[in-house]
C-alpha atoms as a PDB file:
ATOM      1  CA  UNK A   1      -2.532 -28.976 141.605  1.00  0.00           C
ATOM      2  CA  UNK A   2      -0.869 -28.411 144.965  1.00  0.00           C
ATOM      3  CA  UNK A   3       0.303 -24.900 145.822  1.00  0.00           C
ATOM      4  CA  UNK A   4       2.909 -24.253 148.538  1.00  0.00           C
ATOM      5  CA  UNK A   5       4.231 -20.946 149.791  1.00  0.00           C
ATOM      6  CA  UNK A   6       6.154 -19.650 152.757  1.00  0.00           C
ATOM      7  CA  UNK A   7       4.323 -16.967 154.628  1.00  0.00           C
ATOM      8  CA  UNK A   8       5.690 -13.915 156.379  1.00  0.00           C
ATOM      9  CA  UNK A   9       7.325 -14.316 159.773  1.00  0.00           C
ATOM     10  CA  UNK A  10       4.773 -13.929 162.516  1.00  0.00           C
ATOM     11  CA  UNK A  11       5.930 -13.687 166.134  1.00  0.00           C
ATOM     12  CA  UNK A  12       9.000 -15.839 165.485  1.00  0.00           C
ATOM     13  CA  UNK A  13       6.969 -18.441 163.613  1.00  0.00           C
ATOM     14  CA  UNK A  14       7.561 -19.293 159.997  1.00  0.00           C
ATOM     15  CA  UNK A  15       4.240 -20.519 158.596  1.00  0.00           C
ATOM     16  CA  UNK A  16       4.135 -22.463 155.349  1.00  0.00           C
ATOM     17  CA  UNK A  17       0.868 -22.532 153.425  1.00  0.00           C
ATOM     18  CA  UNK A  18      -0.291 -25.392 151.235  1.00  0.00           C
ATOM     19  CA  UNK A  19      -3.541 -25.638 149.309  1.00  0.00           C
ATOM     20  CA  UNK A  20      -4.942 -28.405 147.154  1.00  0.00           C
ATOM     21  CA  UNK A  21      -8.247 -29.263 145.461  1.00  0.00           C
ATOM     22  CA  UNK A  22     -10.539 -31.552 147.439  1.00  0.00           C
ATOM     23  CA  UNK A  23      -9.226 -35.066 146.942  1.00  0.00           C
ATOM     24  CA  UNK A  24      -8.702 -38.227 148.940  1.00  0.00           C
ATOM     25  CA  UNK A  25      -5.304 -38.835 147.288  1.00  0.00           C
ATOM     26  CA  UNK A  26      -3.336 -37.489 150.233  1.00  0.00           C
ATOM     27  CA  UNK A  27      -0.062 -39.493 150.229  1.00  0.00           C
ATOM     28  CA  UNK A  28       2.202 -36.774 148.774  1.00  0.00           C
ATOM     29  CA  UNK A  29       0.520 -34.106 150.887  1.00  0.00           C
ATOM     30  CA  UNK A  30       0.992 -36.113 154.086  1.00  0.00           C
ATOM     31  CA  UNK A  31       4.612 -36.853 153.144  1.00  0.00           C
ATOM     32  CA  UNK A  32       5.259 -33.129 152.760  1.00  0.00           C
ATOM     33  CA  UNK A  33       3.466 -32.205 156.015  1.00  0.00           C
ATOM     34  CA  UNK A  34       5.497 -34.787 157.952  1.00  0.00           C
ATOM     35  CA  UNK A  35       8.881 -34.092 156.347  1.00  0.00           C
ATOM     36  CA  UNK A  36      10.287 -32.330 159.438  1.00  0.00           C
ATOM     37  CA  UNK A  37       8.618 -34.525 162.070  1.00  0.00           C
ATOM     38  CA  UNK A  38      10.804 -37.109 163.861  1.00  0.00           C
ATOM     39  CA  UNK A  39      10.369 -40.492 162.115  1.00  0.00           C
ATOM     40  CA  UNK A  40       9.008 -42.353 165.161  1.00  0.00           C
ATOM     41  CA  UNK A  41       6.000 -39.984 165.232  1.00  0.00           C
ATOM     42  CA  UNK A  42       5.163 -40.432 161.520  1.00  0.00           C
ATOM     43  CA  UNK A  43       2.636 -43.309 161.751  1.00  0.00           C
ATOM     44  CA  UNK A  44       0.572 -41.666 164.508  1.00  0.00           C
ATOM     45  CA  UNK A  45       0.634 -38.153 163.048  1.00  0.00           C
ATOM     46  CA  UNK A  46      -0.015 -39.464 159.525  1.00  0.00           C
ATOM     47  CA  UNK A  47      -3.177 -41.131 160.818  1.00  0.00           C
ATOM     48  CA  UNK A  48      -4.346 -37.992 162.649  1.00  0.00           C
ATOM     49  CA  UNK A  49      -3.570 -35.614 159.787  1.00  0.00           C
ATOM     50  CA  UNK A  50      -5.139 -37.964 157.258  1.00  0.00           C
ATOM     51  CA  UNK A  51      -8.384 -37.983 159.263  1.00  0.00           C
ATOM     52  CA  UNK A  52      -8.363 -34.177 159.499  1.00  0.00           C
ATOM     53  CA  UNK A  53      -7.678 -33.744 155.764  1.00  0.00           C
ATOM     54  CA  UNK A  54     -10.276 -36.343 154.755  1.00  0.00           C
ATOM     55  CA  UNK A  55     -12.845 -34.565 156.933  1.00  0.00           C
ATOM     56  CA  UNK A  56     -12.026 -31.234 155.257  1.00  0.00           C
ATOM     57  CA  UNK A  57     -12.076 -32.585 151.679  1.00  0.00           C
ATOM     58  CA  UNK A  58     -14.914 -35.104 151.961  1.00  0.00           C
ATOM     59  CA  UNK A  59     -17.260 -33.754 154.623  1.00  0.00           C
ATOM     60  CA  UNK A  60     -16.387 -30.052 154.359  1.00  0.00           C
ATOM     61  CA  UNK A  61     -15.966 -29.608 150.609  1.00  0.00           C
ATOM     62  CA  UNK A  62     -18.001 -32.664 149.463  1.00  0.00           C
ATOM     63  CA  UNK A  63     -15.013 -33.657 147.294  1.00  0.00           C
ATOM     64  CA  UNK A  64     -15.795 -30.717 145.013  1.00  0.00           C
ATOM     65  CA  UNK A  65     -12.587 -30.251 142.947  1.00  0.00           C
ATOM     66  CA  UNK A  66     -13.417 -26.543 142.609  1.00  0.00           C
ATOM     67  CA  UNK A  67     -13.059 -26.116 146.376  1.00  0.00           C
ATOM     68  CA  UNK A  68      -9.696 -26.226 148.107  1.00  0.00           C
ATOM     69  CA  UNK A  69      -8.339 -27.394 151.413  1.00  0.00           C
ATOM     70  CA  UNK A  70      -5.887 -24.924 152.935  1.00  0.00           C
ATOM     71  CA  UNK A  71      -3.203 -26.101 155.367  1.00  0.00           C
ATOM     72  CA  UNK A  72      -0.880 -23.765 157.243  1.00  0.00           C
ATOM     73  CA  UNK A  73       1.860 -25.353 159.315  1.00  0.00           C
ATOM     74  CA  UNK A  74       4.718 -24.272 161.496  1.00  0.00           C
ATOM     75  CA  UNK A  75       7.311 -25.645 163.889  1.00  0.00           C
ATOM     76  CA  UNK A  76       8.027 -23.756 167.097  1.00  0.00           C
ATOM     77  CA  UNK A  77      10.688 -25.502 169.175  1.00  0.00           C
ATOM     78  CA  UNK A  78       9.305 -28.999 169.848  1.00  0.00           C
ATOM     79  CA  UNK A  79       5.733 -28.102 168.825  1.00  0.00           C
ATOM     80  CA  UNK A  80       4.352 -28.833 165.364  1.00  0.00           C
ATOM     81  CA  UNK A  81       1.248 -26.812 164.443  1.00  0.00           C
ATOM     82  CA  UNK A  82      -1.258 -27.387 161.633  1.00  0.00           C
ATOM     83  CA  UNK A  83      -4.217 -25.172 160.740  1.00  0.00           C
ATOM     84  CA  UNK A  84      -6.618 -26.912 158.305  1.00  0.00           C
ATOM     85  CA  UNK A  85      -9.441 -24.991 156.601  1.00  0.00           C
ATOM     86  CA  UNK A  86     -12.099 -26.016 154.109  1.00  0.00           C
ATOM     87  CA  UNK A  87     -14.600 -24.057 151.997  1.00  0.00           C
ATOM     88  CA  UNK A  88     -17.647 -26.033 153.048  1.00  0.00           C
ATOM     89  CA  UNK A  89     -20.740 -24.834 154.905  1.00  0.00           C
ATOM     90  CA  UNK A  90     -19.267 -25.976 158.211  1.00  0.00           C
ATOM     91  CA  UNK A  91     -20.683 -28.237 160.887  1.00  0.00           C
ATOM     92  CA  UNK A  92     -21.374 -28.062 164.580  1.00  0.00           C
ATOM     93  CA  UNK A  93     -17.914 -28.825 165.988  1.00  0.00           C
ATOM     94  CA  UNK A  94     -17.392 -30.573 169.288  1.00  0.00           C
ATOM     95  CA  UNK A  95     -17.779 -27.908 171.981  1.00  0.00           C
ATOM     96  CA  UNK A  96     -14.454 -28.640 173.542  1.00  0.00           C
ATOM     97  CA  UNK A  97     -10.789 -28.538 172.803  1.00  0.00           C
ATOM     98  CA  UNK A  98      -7.819 -30.501 174.039  1.00  0.00           C
ATOM     99  CA  UNK A  99      -4.810 -28.874 175.640  1.00  0.00           C
ATOM    100  CA  UNK A 100      -1.974 -30.748 177.366  1.00  0.00           C
ATOM    101  CA  UNK A 101      -3.951 -33.985 177.251  1.00  0.00           C
ATOM    102  CA  UNK A 102      -6.983 -32.434 178.983  1.00  0.00           C
ATOM    103  CA  UNK A 103     -10.376 -31.874 177.363  1.00  0.00           C
ATOM    104  CA  UNK A 104     -11.619 -28.369 178.103  1.00  0.00           C
ATOM    105  CA  UNK A 105     -15.023 -26.859 177.287  1.00  0.00           C
ATOM    106  CA  UNK A 106     -15.245 -24.025 174.768  1.00  0.00           C
ATOM    107  CA  UNK A 107     -16.516 -20.617 175.756  1.00  0.00           C
ATOM    108  CA  UNK A 108     -20.268 -21.248 175.924  1.00  0.00           C
ATOM    109  CA  UNK A 109     -21.020 -17.842 174.373  1.00  0.00           C
ATOM    110  CA  UNK A 110     -19.177 -18.841 171.203  1.00  0.00           C
ATOM    111  CA  UNK A 111     -20.511 -22.391 170.969  1.00  0.00           C
ATOM    112  CA  UNK A 112     -24.166 -22.293 171.895  1.00  0.00           C
ATOM    113  CA  UNK A 113     -25.211 -25.896 172.334  1.00  0.00           C
ATOM    114  CA  UNK A 114     -22.386 -27.424 174.358  1.00  0.00           C
ATOM    115  CA  UNK A 115     -24.970 -29.109 176.571  1.00  0.00           C
ATOM    116  CA  UNK A 116     -26.419 -30.986 173.574  1.00  0.00           C
ATOM    117  CA  UNK A 117     -23.075 -32.231 172.213  1.00  0.00           C
ATOM    118  CA  UNK A 118     -23.486 -35.486 170.286  1.00  0.00           C
ATOM    119  CA  UNK A 119     -20.968 -38.230 169.683  1.00  0.00           C
ATOM    120  CA  UNK A 120     -18.284 -37.465 167.126  1.00  0.00           C
ATOM    121  CA  UNK A 121     -17.308 -39.740 164.283  1.00  0.00           C
ATOM    122  CA  UNK A 122     -14.347 -42.082 164.146  1.00  0.00           C
ATOM    123  CA  UNK A 123     -12.105 -39.492 162.498  1.00  0.00           C
ATOM    124  CA  UNK A 124     -12.754 -36.876 165.157  1.00  0.00           C
ATOM    125  CA  UNK A 125     -12.146 -39.481 167.872  1.00  0.00           C
ATOM    126  CA  UNK A 126      -8.770 -40.357 166.291  1.00  0.00           C
ATOM    127  CA  UNK A 127      -7.833 -36.672 166.042  1.00  0.00           C
ATOM    128  CA  UNK A 128      -8.506 -36.229 169.764  1.00  0.00           C
ATOM    129  CA  UNK A 129      -6.308 -39.243 170.566  1.00  0.00           C
ATOM    130  CA  UNK A 130      -3.352 -38.167 168.414  1.00  0.00           C
ATOM    131  CA  UNK A 131      -2.898 -34.434 169.024  1.00  0.00           C
ATOM    132  CA  UNK A 132      -2.015 -32.538 172.198  1.00  0.00           C
ATOM    133  CA  UNK A 133      -3.992 -29.414 171.324  1.00  0.00           C
ATOM    134  CA  UNK A 134      -7.164 -29.347 169.229  1.00  0.00           C
ATOM    135  CA  UNK A 135      -9.394 -26.374 168.607  1.00  0.00           C
ATOM    136  CA  UNK A 136     -12.197 -25.842 166.081  1.00  0.00           C
ATOM    137  CA  UNK A 137     -13.582 -22.516 165.025  1.00  0.00           C
ATOM    138  CA  UNK A 138     -17.282 -22.288 165.837  1.00  0.00           C
ATOM    139  CA  UNK A 139     -18.278 -22.527 162.164  1.00  0.00           C
ATOM    140  CA  UNK A 140     -16.621 -25.935 161.912  1.00  0.00           C
ATOM    141  CA  UNK A 141     -14.550 -24.922 158.880  1.00  0.00           C
ATOM    142  CA  UNK A 142     -11.132 -24.607 160.525  1.00  0.00           C
ATOM    143  CA  UNK A 143      -9.200 -26.951 162.781  1.00  0.00           C
ATOM    144  CA  UNK A 144      -6.049 -26.070 164.735  1.00  0.00           C
ATOM    145  CA  UNK A 145      -3.831 -28.997 165.759  1.00  0.00           C
ATOM    146  CA  UNK A 146      -0.597 -29.207 167.721  1.00  0.00           C
ATOM    147  CA  UNK A 147       1.740 -32.022 168.679  1.00  0.00           C
ATOM    148  CA  UNK A 148       4.768 -31.851 170.963  1.00  0.00           C
ATOM    149  CA  UNK A 149       7.229 -34.271 169.383  1.00  0.00           C
ATOM    150  CA  UNK A 150      10.211 -34.132 171.720  1.00  0.00           C
ATOM    151  CA  UNK A 151      10.262 -34.635 175.475  1.00  0.00           C
ATOM    152  CA  UNK A 152       6.654 -35.786 175.254  1.00  0.00           C
ATOM    153  CA  UNK A 153       5.143 -37.446 178.292  1.00  0.00           C
ATOM    154  CA  UNK A 154       4.283 -40.536 176.222  1.00  0.00           C
ATOM    155  CA  UNK A 155       5.557 -42.614 173.339  1.00  0.00           C
ATOM    156  CA  UNK A 156       3.721 -42.706 170.004  1.00  0.00           C
ATOM    157  CA  UNK A 157       0.504 -44.750 170.006  1.00  0.00           C
ATOM    158  CA  UNK A 158       1.250 -46.329 166.626  1.00  0.00           C
END
């Protein structure tokens, strides 16, 4: 069962919350998350969001149907934001985030082994290619994504 609710207004942002049991059947969820995105960005953002949701359901929650994936999303001007959380034990996230096309190191106090960062998987690589802003919490259970969809400096990759 998929649950959707509109959250309270927060600093001029209207966040919508969606939760669903861990599953790899993501077509209707992706359709809903992309409903207000300009059509020419759909293929690229569908790929990036699918990778993020698969990581949360499969690697975070081990496809346990008793655990849910929580997605909050909002549109602020030309920026589309997604916050994806799982109920898994977490993982050691990449010790960096991407902002305005630039990879930036995390605060080393929060992420202790930035110097020993290992290669990420294919899904994480795709996420870093698709979104303009990427940030993980240090537990590796929550991912914040943003994409500027109008007046972007580049055309969609897909």
